[in-house]
Amino acid sequence: MTIITDESCTGYARAGHPERPQRIATTVERLKSQTELALTWVAPGNVTDEQILRAHTPEMRARLAVPEDFDADTPFF
């Protein structure tokens, strides 16, 4: 199993949003300490528009042109 994550994931928080830095950090720690699954850890890389459009509408993709969050659970970096 491949886990795609980055340290910056623990820096995102917003009032009312279910994601919290502590939850991400705790999940990563737990995954790294487990021994049942063979895990590969990789940093996220650049993606093509085609890849983004597999999961998001063209309208949501167009929002990347402005510095705001992409959607409710994807912060703009």
Protein backbone atom coordinates (compact mmCIF):
# COMPACT_ATOMS: atom_id res chain seq x y z
CA MET A 1 0.00 0.00 0.00
CA THR A 2 1.29 3.45 -0.87
CA ILE A 3 0.64 6.35 1.48
CA ILE A 4 0.90 9.81 -0.08
CA THR A 5 1.44 12.48 2.53
CA ASP A 6 3.48 15.56 3.34
CA GLU A 7 4.46 17.29 6.57
CA SER A 8 2.47 20.35 5.48
CA CYS A 9 -0.72 18.28 5.90
CA THR A 10 -0.37 18.78 9.65
CA GLY A 11 -0.42 22.55 9.24
CA TYR A 12 -3.97 22.86 7.91
CA ALA A 13 -6.82 23.71 10.27
CA ARG A 14 -10.04 25.63 9.91
CA ALA A 15 -12.80 26.20 12.43
CA GLY A 16 -15.67 23.83 11.77
CA HIS A 17 -13.62 21.60 9.44
CA PRO A 18 -13.31 17.96 10.51
CA GLU A 19 -9.62 17.75 9.62
CA ARG A 20 -7.22 18.66 12.39
CA PRO A 21 -3.41 18.62 12.50
CA GLN A 22 -3.47 16.33 15.53
CA ARG A 23 -5.64 13.76 13.73
CA ILE A 24 -3.26 13.67 10.75
CA ALA A 25 -0.16 13.40 12.96
CA THR A 26 -1.74 10.64 15.08
CA THR A 27 -2.82 8.70 11.99
CA VAL A 28 0.66 8.91 10.43
CA GLU A 29 2.27 7.77 13.71
CA ARG A 30 -0.10 4.83 13.96
CA LEU A 31 0.47 3.77 10.36
CA LYS A 32 4.24 4.01 10.75
CA SER A 33 4.20 1.93 13.93
CA GLN A 34 2.01 -0.87 12.56
CA THR A 35 3.64 -4.03 11.26
CA GLU A 36 0.77 -5.85 9.54
CA LEU A 37 0.83 -3.95 6.24
CA ALA A 38 3.75 -3.29 3.93
CA LEU A 39 3.60 0.47 3.40
CA THR A 40 5.48 2.70 1.00
CA TRP A 41 5.64 6.39 1.88
CA VAL A 42 5.86 9.02 -0.88
CA ALA A 43 5.53 12.78 -1.04
CA PRO A 44 2.83 14.18 -3.30
CA GLY A 45 3.96 15.25 -6.74
CA ASN A 46 2.63 17.40 -9.51
CA VAL A 47 -0.49 16.19 -11.27
CA THR A 48 -1.96 16.93 -14.67
CA ASP A 49 -5.29 18.61 -15.28
CA GLU A 50 -6.52 15.28 -16.59
CA GLN A 51 -5.75 13.65 -13.25
CA ILE A 52 -7.44 16.44 -11.28
CA LEU A 53 -10.53 16.17 -13.49
CA ARG A 54 -10.94 12.51 -12.54
CA ALA A 55 -12.15 13.65 -9.13
CA HIS A 56 -13.20 17.29 -9.59
CA THR A 57 -15.36 19.24 -12.00
CA PRO A 58 -13.82 21.72 -14.48
CA GLU A 59 -15.44 24.51 -12.44
CA MET A 60 -13.67 23.37 -9.30
CA ARG A 61 -10.41 23.07 -11.25
CA ALA A 62 -10.81 26.65 -12.49
CA ARG A 63 -10.89 27.83 -8.88
CA LEU A 64 -7.18 27.01 -8.59
CA ALA A 65 -6.52 30.23 -10.49
CA VAL A 66 -7.47 32.18 -7.34
CA PRO A 67 -5.74 31.82 -3.96
CA GLU A 68 -8.50 30.17 -1.97
CA ASP A 69 -9.26 26.66 -0.82
CA PHE A 70 -9.96 24.25 -3.70
CA ASP A 71 -12.93 22.60 -2.00
CA ALA A 72 -14.14 21.85 1.51
CA ASP A 73 -11.32 19.42 2.25
CA THR A 74 -8.47 20.52 -0.05
CA PRO A 75 -6.55 23.63 1.03
CA PHE A 76 -4.91 25.90 -1.53
CA PHE A 77 -1.09 25.89 -1.40
